[in-house]
């Protein structure tokens, strides 16, 4: 009987490993080109970065941050359609992860720890070099640290095999910017609103929404968005404020 029980336990363990291993192994294989892509991004070698992130995605198509940074690499190359597709895929993957249930607590905890490691990689890249950080970078770091904090709280709670997550504000913000560059203002507005819903302190999203409102003739709303951006710590360009004020005065 004891031998039979041991055989069953071993079979169950192997089944669990077989279920968990493919994605875990794929992510491990994808990490070297992903890290190389981050290095290329820091060096502003965007073509090489895009190729590295594509290689990472080829090894693990579910790698959210690889899709996200592929979009980020496309933006300075003015490949806005491709960037929007990459950001939209990132968004899709985050939505798909919500409510995901794992076979056991260990799998769920490993998933969360892997996400923390990925966030740490990005934070390390953003903070390296001792360079003065722009306001945009500082806001991005704040959002990353908030996402990390939520994951760490989930790890500390333990016991939960269901993933509760949402689309990070920086993903929706980047998607909105790609749509804006494409001239698709309705989708840009929708994405900026999603960014603000995820993080009301996303000042850049408020600022960009003000531009959309100005472009679409909603001047009072543009003024309100500017105030929200400044409250969030964004230094709004004086010309944008002047243009909005002029439109309000003449309307």
Protein backbone atom coordinates (compact mmCIF):
# COMPACT_ATOMS: atom_id res chain seq x y z
CA UNK A 1 0.00 0.00 0.00
CA UNK A 2 2.81 2.40 0.95
CA UNK A 3 4.47 1.74 -2.44
CA UNK A 4 1.20 2.44 -4.25
CA UNK A 5 0.76 5.73 -2.36
CA UNK A 6 4.33 6.75 -3.17
CA UNK A 7 3.75 5.96 -6.84
CA UNK A 8 0.58 8.06 -6.93
CA UNK A 9 2.31 11.00 -5.18
CA UNK A 10 5.23 10.80 -7.62
CA UNK A 11 2.85 10.70 -10.57
CA UNK A 12 0.99 13.75 -9.28
CA UNK A 13 4.24 15.63 -8.73
CA UNK A 14 5.41 14.84 -12.25
CA UNK A 15 2.05 15.90 -13.67
CA UNK A 16 2.30 19.22 -11.83
CA UNK A 17 5.84 19.78 -13.09
CA UNK A 18 4.79 18.90 -16.63
CA UNK A 19 2.00 21.44 -16.40
CA UNK A 20 4.13 24.24 -14.91
CA UNK A 21 7.44 23.69 -16.64
CA UNK A 22 6.80 24.75 -20.26
CA UNK A 23 5.99 28.41 -19.53
CA UNK A 24 8.59 28.60 -16.79
CA UNK A 25 11.31 27.18 -19.07
CA UNK A 26 10.19 29.41 -21.94
CA UNK A 27 10.45 32.50 -19.72
CA UNK A 28 13.92 31.49 -18.54
CA UNK A 29 15.07 31.08 -22.15
CA UNK A 30 13.53 34.45 -23.06
CA UNK A 31 15.30 36.37 -20.29
CA UNK A 32 18.78 36.74 -21.94
CA UNK A 33 17.49 38.40 -25.15
CA UNK A 34 15.02 40.43 -23.05
CA UNK A 35 17.87 41.75 -20.88
CA UNK A 36 19.89 42.46 -24.01
CA UNK A 37 16.93 44.42 -25.34
CA UNK A 38 16.84 46.53 -22.17
CA UNK A 39 20.55 47.26 -22.58
CA UNK A 40 19.96 48.31 -26.19
CA UNK A 41 17.10 50.57 -25.07
CA UNK A 42 19.38 52.31 -22.59
CA UNK A 43 21.94 52.82 -25.37
CA UNK A 44 19.13 54.12 -27.64
CA UNK A 45 19.93 51.36 -30.14
CA UNK A 46 16.25 50.86 -30.92
CA UNK A 47 16.56 48.61 -33.97
CA UNK A 48 18.72 46.16 -32.04
CA UNK A 49 16.38 46.43 -29.06
CA UNK A 50 13.37 45.55 -31.22
CA UNK A 51 15.16 42.49 -32.59
CA UNK A 52 16.11 41.35 -29.09
CA UNK A 53 12.55 41.73 -27.78
CA UNK A 54 11.20 39.89 -30.84
CA UNK A 55 13.61 37.05 -30.04
CA UNK A 56 12.36 36.98 -26.44
CA UNK A 57 8.76 36.90 -27.61
CA UNK A 58 9.59 34.08 -30.01
CA UNK A 59 10.73 32.02 -27.03
CA UNK A 60 7.84 33.07 -24.79
CA UNK A 61 4.83 34.64 -26.55
CA UNK A 62 3.21 35.33 -23.13
CA UNK A 63 6.07 37.58 -21.97
CA UNK A 64 4.15 40.78 -21.17
CA UNK A 65 7.12 43.08 -20.63
CA UNK A 66 8.88 41.90 -23.79
CA UNK A 67 5.81 42.91 -25.82
CA UNK A 68 5.66 46.21 -23.94
CA UNK A 69 9.29 47.09 -24.60
CA UNK A 70 8.97 46.01 -28.20
CA UNK A 71 6.36 48.73 -28.48
CA UNK A 72 8.64 51.18 -26.68
CA UNK A 73 11.43 50.35 -29.16
CA UNK A 74 9.12 50.95 -32.13
CA UNK A 75 8.00 54.42 -30.96
CA UNK A 76 11.28 56.33 -31.61
CA UNK A 77 11.54 54.45 -34.91
CA UNK A 78 8.14 55.98 -35.80
CA UNK A 79 6.64 52.54 -36.37
CA UNK A 80 3.44 53.58 -34.62
CA UNK A 81 1.16 50.89 -36.04
CA UNK A 82 3.57 48.17 -34.89
CA UNK A 83 3.98 49.90 -31.53
CA UNK A 84 0.22 50.04 -30.99
CA UNK A 85 -0.05 46.33 -31.83
CA UNK A 86 2.69 45.49 -29.31
CA UNK A 87 1.09 47.59 -26.57
CA UNK A 88 -2.35 46.14 -27.34
CA UNK A 89 -0.89 42.63 -27.02
CA UNK A 90 0.63 43.59 -23.66
CA UNK A 91 -2.76 44.82 -22.52
CA UNK A 92 -4.41 41.62 -23.72
CA UNK A 93 -1.93 39.47 -21.79
CA UNK A 94 -2.49 41.41 -18.56
CA UNK A 95 -6.26 41.12 -18.93
CA UNK A 96 -5.90 37.41 -19.70
CA UNK A 97 -3.90 36.88 -16.51
CA UNK A 98 -6.68 38.29 -14.34
CA UNK A 99 -8.53 35.51 -12.57
CA UNK A 100 -5.97 32.92 -13.66
CA UNK A 101 -5.97 29.96 -11.30
CA UNK A 102 -2.93 27.81 -10.58
CA UNK A 103 -2.90 24.17 -9.54
CA UNK A 104 -1.33 25.03 -6.20
CA UNK A 105 -0.01 27.88 -4.07
CA UNK A 106 3.61 27.17 -5.05
CA UNK A 107 2.90 27.77 -8.74
CA UNK A 108 1.04 31.00 -8.00
CA UNK A 109 3.82 32.26 -5.76
CA UNK A 110 6.47 31.40 -8.36
CA UNK A 111 4.48 33.35 -10.98
CA UNK A 112 4.36 36.40 -8.68
CA UNK A 113 8.06 36.19 -7.83
CA UNK A 114 8.97 35.98 -11.51
CA UNK A 115 6.95 39.14 -12.18
CA UNK A 116 8.78 40.91 -9.35
CA UNK A 117 12.13 39.92 -10.86
CA UNK A 118 11.06 41.30 -14.24
CA UNK A 119 9.99 44.60 -12.67
CA UNK A 120 13.29 44.76 -10.77
CA UNK A 121 15.14 44.38 -14.08
CA UNK A 122 13.36 47.41 -15.51
CA UNK A 123 13.83 49.48 -12.35
CA UNK A 124 17.53 48.64 -12.34
CA UNK A 125 17.87 49.77 -15.94
CA UNK A 126 16.02 53.03 -15.30
CA UNK A 127 18.11 53.83 -12.22
CA UNK A 128 21.51 52.82 -13.63
CA UNK A 129 24.10 55.28 -14.83
CA UNK A 130 23.43 57.92 -12.18
CA UNK A 131 21.72 60.13 -14.73
CA UNK A 132 19.22 62.82 -13.73
CA UNK A 133 15.82 61.28 -14.22
CA UNK A 134 13.17 63.06 -16.22
CA UNK A 135 9.71 63.64 -14.76
CA UNK A 136 8.40 60.98 -17.15
CA UNK A 137 10.95 58.44 -15.86
CA UNK A 138 10.15 59.30 -12.26
CA UNK A 139 6.44 58.73 -12.83
CA UNK A 140 7.20 55.46 -14.63
CA UNK A 141 9.36 54.34 -11.71
CA UNK A 142 6.58 55.20 -9.29
CA UNK A 143 4.10 53.05 -11.24
CA UNK A 144 6.57 50.16 -11.43
CA UNK A 145 7.24 50.34 -7.70
CA UNK A 146 3.51 50.39 -7.01
CA UNK A 147 3.02 47.30 -9.19
CA UNK A 148 5.91 45.64 -7.36
CA UNK A 149 4.39 46.52 -3.98
CA UNK A 150 1.07 44.93 -4.89
CA UNK A 151 2.83 41.74 -6.04
CA UNK A 152 4.88 41.61 -2.84
CA UNK A 153 1.71 41.96 -0.76
CA UNK A 154 0.19 39.03 -2.66
CA UNK A 155 3.33 36.98 -2.01
CA UNK A 156 3.23 37.80 1.70
CA UNK A 157 -0.45 36.90 1.97
CA UNK A 158 0.20 33.56 0.23
CA UNK A 159 -2.46 30.89 0.06
CA UNK A 160 -4.22 32.43 -2.95
CA UNK A 161 -4.00 30.42 -6.18
CA UNK A 162 -5.89 33.05 -8.18
CA UNK A 163 -4.06 35.94 -9.81
CA UNK A 164 -5.62 39.35 -9.31
CA UNK A 165 -4.04 41.95 -11.55
CA UNK A 166 -4.91 44.84 -13.82
CA UNK A 167 -3.40 46.56 -16.83
CA UNK A 168 -0.60 48.83 -15.53
CA UNK A 169 -1.15 52.52 -16.20
CA UNK A 170 2.10 52.80 -18.17
CA UNK A 171 0.84 50.21 -20.68
CA UNK A 172 -2.38 52.12 -21.37
CA UNK A 173 -0.44 55.41 -21.48
CA UNK A 174 1.96 54.04 -24.10
CA UNK A 175 -0.91 52.57 -26.10
CA UNK A 176 -2.62 55.97 -26.07
CA UNK A 177 0.54 57.68 -27.28
CA UNK A 178 0.87 55.23 -30.19
CA UNK A 179 -2.74 55.83 -31.19
CA UNK A 180 -2.23 59.59 -30.91
CA UNK A 181 0.78 59.43 -33.22
CA UNK A 182 -1.38 57.49 -35.68
CA UNK A 183 -4.01 60.24 -35.56
CA UNK A 184 -6.55 57.93 -33.92
CA UNK A 185 -7.78 60.37 -31.27
CA UNK A 186 -10.82 58.36 -30.07
CA UNK A 187 -8.67 55.31 -29.23
CA UNK A 188 -5.96 57.54 -27.77
CA UNK A 189 -8.50 59.16 -25.46
CA UNK A 190 -9.86 55.77 -24.42
CA UNK A 191 -6.37 54.50 -23.56
CA UNK A 192 -5.45 57.65 -21.62
CA UNK A 193 -8.67 57.34 -19.62
CA UNK A 194 -7.79 53.71 -18.84
CA UNK A 195 -4.37 54.83 -17.62
CA UNK A 196 -5.97 57.38 -15.29
CA UNK A 197 -8.49 54.82 -14.03
CA UNK A 198 -5.59 52.50 -13.16
CA UNK A 199 -3.57 55.32 -11.60
CA UNK A 200 -5.24 58.70 -10.95
CA UNK A 201 -1.76 60.16 -10.30
CA UNK A 202 -0.63 59.36 -13.85
CA UNK A 203 0.15 62.98 -14.65
CA UNK A 204 1.40 62.34 -18.17
CA UNK A 205 -1.92 60.70 -19.05
CA UNK A 206 -3.78 63.79 -17.81
CA UNK A 207 -1.41 66.00 -19.83
CA UNK A 208 -1.88 63.96 -23.00
CA UNK A 209 -5.63 63.88 -22.48
CA UNK A 210 -5.57 67.69 -22.35
CA UNK A 211 -3.98 67.68 -25.82
CA UNK A 212 -6.70 65.34 -27.12
CA UNK A 213 -9.39 67.58 -25.66
CA UNK A 214 -7.79 70.63 -27.28
CA UNK A 215 -7.60 68.88 -30.64
CA UNK A 216 -11.27 67.88 -30.41
CA UNK A 217 -12.62 71.27 -29.30
CA UNK A 218 -13.35 70.45 -25.65
CA UNK A 219 -11.48 73.38 -24.17
CA UNK A 220 -12.94 73.40 -20.65
CA UNK A 221 -12.16 69.70 -20.28
CA UNK A 222 -8.65 70.40 -21.58
CA UNK A 223 -8.18 73.01 -18.88
CA UNK A 224 -9.37 70.59 -16.20
CA UNK A 225 -6.97 67.93 -17.51
CA UNK A 226 -4.09 70.42 -17.30
CA UNK A 227 -4.94 71.13 -13.66
CA UNK A 228 -5.03 67.39 -12.92
CA UNK A 229 -1.64 66.93 -14.62
CA UNK A 230 -0.09 69.75 -12.58
CA UNK A 231 -1.60 68.38 -9.39
CA UNK A 232 0.08 65.05 -10.21
CA UNK A 233 3.43 66.82 -10.53
CA UNK A 234 3.73 67.23 -14.30
CA UNK A 235 5.12 70.49 -15.63
CA UNK A 236 2.66 71.29 -18.42
CA UNK A 237 4.14 73.10 -21.41
CA UNK A 238 3.27 76.83 -21.27
CA UNK A 239 2.25 76.83 -24.93
CA UNK A 240 -0.37 74.15 -24.32
CA UNK A 241 -1.83 76.17 -21.47
CA UNK A 242 -1.76 79.32 -23.59
CA UNK A 243 -3.48 77.60 -26.53
CA UNK A 244 -6.24 76.27 -24.28
CA UNK A 245 -6.73 79.67 -22.62
CA UNK A 246 -6.92 81.36 -26.03
CA UNK A 247 -9.54 78.90 -27.28
CA UNK A 248 -11.64 79.33 -24.15
CA UNK A 249 -11.46 83.14 -24.49
CA UNK A 250 -12.48 83.11 -28.14
CA UNK A 251 -15.28 80.56 -27.81
